[in-house]
N, C-alpha and C. Protein backbone atom coordinates (compact mmCIF):
# COMPACT_ATOMS: atom_id res chain seq x y z
N ASN A 1 -8.56 7.06 -8.20
CA ASN A 1 -9.89 7.30 -8.70
C ASN A 1 -10.91 6.62 -7.80
N GLU A 2 -11.92 7.35 -7.43
CA GLU A 2 -12.98 6.79 -6.61
C GLU A 2 -13.93 6.02 -7.50
N THR A 3 -14.19 4.77 -7.15
CA THR A 3 -15.10 3.96 -7.95
C THR A 3 -16.32 3.52 -7.16
N GLU A 4 -16.19 3.34 -5.86
CA GLU A 4 -17.33 2.96 -5.04
C GLU A 4 -17.02 3.26 -3.59
N LYS A 5 -18.06 3.24 -2.77
CA LYS A 5 -17.88 3.45 -1.33
C LYS A 5 -18.14 2.13 -0.63
N ILE A 6 -17.38 1.88 0.45
CA ILE A 6 -17.59 0.67 1.24
C ILE A 6 -17.72 1.06 2.70
N ASN A 7 -18.45 0.24 3.45
CA ASN A 7 -18.56 0.43 4.89
C ASN A 7 -17.39 -0.29 5.55
N VAL A 8 -16.69 0.42 6.43
CA VAL A 8 -15.52 -0.13 7.11
C VAL A 8 -15.79 -0.12 8.60
N PRO A 9 -15.53 -1.23 9.30
CA PRO A 9 -15.72 -1.25 10.76
C PRO A 9 -14.89 -0.15 11.42
N MET A 10 -15.50 0.52 12.39
CA MET A 10 -14.84 1.65 13.06
C MET A 10 -13.52 1.27 13.73
N PHE A 11 -13.39 0.01 14.20
CA PHE A 11 -12.15 -0.36 14.88
C PHE A 11 -10.94 -0.34 13.95
N LEU A 12 -11.18 -0.32 12.64
CA LEU A 12 -10.07 -0.24 11.69
C LEU A 12 -9.63 1.20 11.44
N LEU A 13 -10.42 2.14 11.93
CA LEU A 13 -10.15 3.55 11.63
C LEU A 13 -9.83 4.32 12.90
N GLY A 14 -9.05 5.35 12.75
CA GLY A 14 -8.80 6.32 13.80
C GLY A 14 -9.18 7.68 13.24
N LYS A 15 -8.56 8.71 13.75
CA LYS A 15 -8.80 10.05 13.20
C LYS A 15 -8.06 10.16 11.88
N GLY A 16 -8.59 10.97 11.00
CA GLY A 16 -7.93 11.20 9.73
C GLY A 16 -8.76 10.72 8.56
N SER A 17 -8.17 10.79 7.39
CA SER A 17 -8.83 10.38 6.15
C SER A 17 -8.28 9.04 5.69
N TYR A 18 -9.15 8.24 5.11
CA TYR A 18 -8.79 6.90 4.68
C TYR A 18 -9.31 6.65 3.28
N PHE A 19 -8.69 5.67 2.61
CA PHE A 19 -9.25 5.17 1.36
C PHE A 19 -9.00 3.67 1.29
N ALA A 20 -9.74 3.01 0.41
CA ALA A 20 -9.61 1.56 0.23
C ALA A 20 -8.86 1.28 -1.06
N LEU A 21 -8.01 0.26 -1.01
CA LEU A 21 -7.22 -0.13 -2.18
C LEU A 21 -7.45 -1.61 -2.43
N ASN A 22 -7.98 -1.94 -3.59
CA ASN A 22 -8.19 -3.34 -3.96
C ASN A 22 -6.84 -3.97 -4.31
N ILE A 23 -6.52 -5.09 -3.68
CA ILE A 23 -5.23 -5.75 -3.91
C ILE A 23 -5.32 -6.65 -5.14
N ILE A 24 -4.43 -6.41 -6.07
CA ILE A 24 -4.33 -7.23 -7.28
C ILE A 24 -2.93 -7.82 -7.31
N GLY A 25 -2.83 -9.12 -7.43
CA GLY A 25 -1.53 -9.77 -7.50
C GLY A 25 -1.12 -10.38 -6.18
N ASP A 26 0.07 -11.00 -6.19
CA ASP A 26 0.55 -11.75 -5.02
C ASP A 26 1.86 -11.21 -4.45
N SER A 27 2.16 -9.95 -4.69
CA SER A 27 3.45 -9.40 -4.26
C SER A 27 3.58 -9.24 -2.75
N MET A 28 2.48 -9.36 -1.99
CA MET A 28 2.54 -9.14 -0.54
C MET A 28 2.08 -10.37 0.25
N ILE A 29 2.11 -11.54 -0.37
CA ILE A 29 1.57 -12.74 0.29
C ILE A 29 2.34 -13.17 1.53
N GLU A 30 3.62 -12.84 1.61
CA GLU A 30 4.41 -13.29 2.77
C GLU A 30 4.09 -12.51 4.04
N VAL A 31 3.27 -11.46 3.93
CA VAL A 31 2.76 -10.76 5.13
C VAL A 31 1.24 -10.93 5.22
N GLY A 32 0.71 -11.93 4.52
CA GLY A 32 -0.70 -12.27 4.64
C GLY A 32 -1.66 -11.39 3.88
N ILE A 33 -1.17 -10.67 2.88
CA ILE A 33 -2.04 -9.82 2.06
C ILE A 33 -2.19 -10.51 0.70
N ASN A 34 -3.43 -10.86 0.38
CA ASN A 34 -3.69 -11.68 -0.80
C ASN A 34 -4.48 -10.93 -1.86
N GLU A 35 -4.41 -11.45 -3.09
CA GLU A 35 -5.21 -10.88 -4.16
C GLU A 35 -6.68 -10.92 -3.76
N GLY A 36 -7.39 -9.82 -4.02
CA GLY A 36 -8.80 -9.72 -3.67
C GLY A 36 -9.05 -9.07 -2.32
N ASP A 37 -8.02 -8.97 -1.48
CA ASP A 37 -8.16 -8.25 -0.21
C ASP A 37 -8.39 -6.77 -0.49
N ILE A 38 -8.97 -6.10 0.48
CA ILE A 38 -9.13 -4.65 0.40
C ILE A 38 -8.29 -4.05 1.51
N ALA A 39 -7.28 -3.28 1.13
CA ALA A 39 -6.41 -2.62 2.10
C ALA A 39 -7.03 -1.29 2.49
N ILE A 40 -7.10 -1.02 3.80
CA ILE A 40 -7.58 0.25 4.31
C ILE A 40 -6.35 1.11 4.58
N ILE A 41 -6.25 2.22 3.87
CA ILE A 41 -5.06 3.06 3.89
C ILE A 41 -5.37 4.40 4.56
N LYS A 42 -4.56 4.75 5.57
CA LYS A 42 -4.68 6.08 6.19
C LYS A 42 -3.87 7.05 5.35
N GLN A 43 -4.53 8.08 4.86
CA GLN A 43 -3.85 9.04 3.99
C GLN A 43 -2.75 9.77 4.76
N LYS A 44 -1.57 9.73 4.18
CA LYS A 44 -0.38 10.32 4.78
C LYS A 44 0.65 10.46 3.67
N SER A 45 1.39 11.55 3.65
CA SER A 45 2.33 11.77 2.54
C SER A 45 3.76 11.37 2.87
N ASN A 46 4.00 10.91 4.10
CA ASN A 46 5.35 10.45 4.44
C ASN A 46 5.26 9.10 5.14
N ALA A 47 6.39 8.42 5.21
CA ALA A 47 6.42 7.08 5.79
C ALA A 47 7.74 6.85 6.49
N ASN A 48 7.74 5.89 7.40
CA ASN A 48 8.95 5.47 8.10
C ASN A 48 9.42 4.14 7.52
N ASP A 49 10.71 3.86 7.66
CA ASP A 49 11.23 2.58 7.22
C ASP A 49 10.42 1.45 7.84
N GLY A 50 10.04 0.50 7.01
CA GLY A 50 9.29 -0.66 7.47
C GLY A 50 7.78 -0.53 7.33
N ASP A 51 7.28 0.68 7.11
CA ASP A 51 5.83 0.86 6.93
C ASP A 51 5.38 0.17 5.65
N LEU A 52 4.15 -0.33 5.67
CA LEU A 52 3.52 -0.80 4.45
C LEU A 52 2.76 0.38 3.87
N VAL A 53 3.15 0.80 2.67
CA VAL A 53 2.63 2.04 2.10
C VAL A 53 1.89 1.79 0.79
N ALA A 54 0.93 2.67 0.53
CA ALA A 54 0.34 2.78 -0.80
C ALA A 54 1.11 3.89 -1.49
N ALA A 55 1.72 3.58 -2.62
CA ALA A 55 2.53 4.56 -3.34
C ALA A 55 2.02 4.68 -4.77
N LEU A 56 1.87 5.91 -5.21
CA LEU A 56 1.45 6.20 -6.58
C LEU A 56 2.70 6.34 -7.44
N ILE A 57 2.78 5.53 -8.48
CA ILE A 57 3.95 5.51 -9.36
C ILE A 57 3.57 6.14 -10.70
N ASP A 58 4.34 7.13 -11.12
CA ASP A 58 4.15 7.80 -12.42
C ASP A 58 2.72 8.29 -12.64
N ASP A 59 2.04 8.66 -11.57
CA ASP A 59 0.67 9.18 -11.63
C ASP A 59 -0.31 8.21 -12.29
N THR A 60 0.04 6.91 -12.34
CA THR A 60 -0.84 5.96 -13.03
C THR A 60 -1.21 4.74 -12.20
N GLU A 61 -0.31 4.25 -11.37
CA GLU A 61 -0.53 2.98 -10.68
C GLU A 61 -0.24 3.14 -9.19
N THR A 62 -1.17 2.66 -8.37
CA THR A 62 -0.93 2.63 -6.93
C THR A 62 -0.55 1.21 -6.55
N THR A 63 0.51 1.09 -5.76
CA THR A 63 1.00 -0.21 -5.33
C THR A 63 1.15 -0.23 -3.82
N LEU A 64 0.97 -1.39 -3.21
CA LEU A 64 1.17 -1.57 -1.78
C LEU A 64 2.48 -2.32 -1.59
N LYS A 65 3.44 -1.70 -0.90
CA LYS A 65 4.75 -2.31 -0.70
C LYS A 65 5.34 -1.87 0.63
N ARG A 66 6.42 -2.54 1.06
CA ARG A 66 7.18 -2.16 2.25
C ARG A 66 8.10 -0.99 1.87
N PHE A 67 8.08 0.06 2.69
CA PHE A 67 8.84 1.29 2.41
C PHE A 67 10.19 1.26 3.11
N LYS A 68 11.21 1.73 2.38
CA LYS A 68 12.54 1.88 2.98
C LYS A 68 13.27 3.01 2.27
N ARG A 69 14.05 3.75 3.04
CA ARG A 69 14.94 4.77 2.46
C ARG A 69 16.36 4.24 2.50
N SER A 70 17.11 4.53 1.44
CA SER A 70 18.52 4.21 1.39
C SER A 70 19.22 5.46 0.88
N GLY A 71 19.66 6.29 1.83
CA GLY A 71 20.18 7.61 1.44
C GLY A 71 19.04 8.39 0.82
N PRO A 72 19.28 8.96 -0.37
CA PRO A 72 18.21 9.73 -1.02
C PRO A 72 17.23 8.86 -1.82
N LYS A 73 17.52 7.57 -1.95
CA LYS A 73 16.67 6.67 -2.74
C LYS A 73 15.51 6.14 -1.90
N ILE A 74 14.41 5.85 -2.58
CA ILE A 74 13.27 5.19 -1.97
C ILE A 74 13.21 3.78 -2.53
N ILE A 75 13.05 2.81 -1.63
CA ILE A 75 12.94 1.42 -2.03
C ILE A 75 11.56 0.92 -1.64
N LEU A 76 10.85 0.33 -2.59
CA LEU A 76 9.58 -0.32 -2.33
C LEU A 76 9.80 -1.81 -2.49
N LYS A 77 9.62 -2.53 -1.38
CA LYS A 77 9.94 -3.96 -1.35
C LYS A 77 8.67 -4.79 -1.33
N ALA A 78 8.58 -5.72 -2.26
CA ALA A 78 7.50 -6.70 -2.25
C ALA A 78 7.76 -7.69 -1.13
N GLU A 79 6.70 -8.24 -0.58
CA GLU A 79 6.83 -9.28 0.43
C GLU A 79 6.50 -10.63 -0.21
N ASN A 80 7.27 -10.93 -1.25
CA ASN A 80 7.19 -12.18 -1.98
C ASN A 80 8.56 -12.35 -2.63
N LYS A 81 9.24 -13.41 -2.29
CA LYS A 81 10.62 -13.59 -2.77
C LYS A 81 10.72 -13.68 -4.29
N ASN A 82 9.60 -13.86 -4.98
CA ASN A 82 9.61 -13.93 -6.44
C ASN A 82 9.64 -12.56 -7.12
N TYR A 83 9.60 -11.49 -6.32
CA TYR A 83 9.59 -10.13 -6.86
C TYR A 83 10.83 -9.38 -6.40
N LYS A 84 11.38 -8.55 -7.29
CA LYS A 84 12.51 -7.70 -6.93
C LYS A 84 12.01 -6.39 -6.32
N SER A 85 12.84 -5.81 -5.46
CA SER A 85 12.52 -4.49 -4.91
C SER A 85 12.58 -3.46 -6.03
N GLN A 86 11.76 -2.43 -5.90
CA GLN A 86 11.75 -1.32 -6.84
C GLN A 86 12.52 -0.17 -6.20
N VAL A 87 13.54 0.33 -6.89
CA VAL A 87 14.38 1.40 -6.36
C VAL A 87 14.11 2.67 -7.16
N TYR A 88 13.84 3.76 -6.44
CA TYR A 88 13.52 5.04 -7.08
C TYR A 88 14.55 6.08 -6.69
N GLU A 89 15.15 6.69 -7.69
CA GLU A 89 16.14 7.75 -7.50
C GLU A 89 15.43 9.05 -7.15
N PRO A 90 16.17 10.00 -6.54
CA PRO A 90 15.57 11.32 -6.29
C PRO A 90 15.03 11.91 -7.60
N GLY A 91 13.89 12.53 -7.52
CA GLY A 91 13.27 13.11 -8.71
C GLY A 91 12.33 12.16 -9.43
N SER A 92 12.30 10.89 -9.01
CA SER A 92 11.37 9.94 -9.62
C SER A 92 9.94 10.35 -9.29
N ASN A 93 9.03 9.98 -10.16
CA ASN A 93 7.63 10.33 -9.97
C ASN A 93 6.95 9.29 -9.08
N ILE A 94 7.19 9.40 -7.77
CA ILE A 94 6.61 8.50 -6.79
C ILE A 94 6.03 9.35 -5.66
N LYS A 95 4.83 9.00 -5.24
CA LYS A 95 4.16 9.76 -4.18
C LYS A 95 3.59 8.78 -3.16
N ILE A 96 3.97 8.95 -1.90
CA ILE A 96 3.38 8.15 -0.83
C ILE A 96 1.97 8.67 -0.60
N GLN A 97 0.99 7.78 -0.72
CA GLN A 97 -0.41 8.17 -0.53
C GLN A 97 -0.90 7.85 0.87
N GLY A 98 -0.29 6.85 1.52
CA GLY A 98 -0.74 6.51 2.86
C GLY A 98 -0.11 5.24 3.38
N ILE A 99 -0.51 4.91 4.63
CA ILE A 99 0.03 3.77 5.38
C ILE A 99 -1.09 2.75 5.61
N LEU A 100 -0.76 1.47 5.48
CA LEU A 100 -1.75 0.42 5.72
C LEU A 100 -2.27 0.50 7.15
N SER A 101 -3.59 0.53 7.30
CA SER A 101 -4.23 0.60 8.61
C SER A 101 -4.99 -0.67 8.94
N GLY A 102 -5.54 -1.32 7.93
CA GLY A 102 -6.33 -2.52 8.15
C GLY A 102 -6.53 -3.27 6.85
N LEU A 103 -7.20 -4.39 6.96
CA LEU A 103 -7.40 -5.26 5.81
C LEU A 103 -8.79 -5.88 5.90
N ILE A 104 -9.48 -5.91 4.79
CA ILE A 104 -10.78 -6.58 4.71
C ILE A 104 -10.62 -7.72 3.72
N ARG A 105 -11.11 -8.89 4.12
CA ARG A 105 -10.99 -10.07 3.26
C ARG A 105 -12.34 -10.76 3.15
N LYS A 106 -12.69 -11.11 1.93
CA LYS A 106 -13.91 -11.87 1.69
C LYS A 106 -13.51 -13.31 1.40
N TYR A 107 -14.14 -14.22 2.09
CA TYR A 107 -13.90 -15.64 1.84
C TYR A 107 -15.01 -16.16 0.95
N ASN A 108 -14.64 -16.78 -0.13
CA ASN A 108 -15.63 -17.38 -1.03
C ASN A 108 -15.89 -18.81 -0.61
N SER A 109 -17.14 -19.23 -0.75
CA SER A 109 -17.46 -20.62 -0.40
C SER A 109 -17.93 -21.37 -1.61
């Protein structure tokens, strides 16, 4: 759902369509992605192993995780040892929305 528009520095973008994803939670802290960051996502419907992807789960929640395939299964791995990987069987309602392209962070003083 579109809620607002933000200005993004051109060096974070290439050709194609992008969207911003507000990061909630600490599941990606081990790769330097923190709560409150804004992830810049290049819209793409497929991913390679190791990509950081925005994935829509059950048409309700978008999550940012590390993508991996294991045979026909899709694994979304958090980059925080306190979280378990999410494993999705074929036919699960999961849609890759895009690949992480950049990150915007606001520092509070």
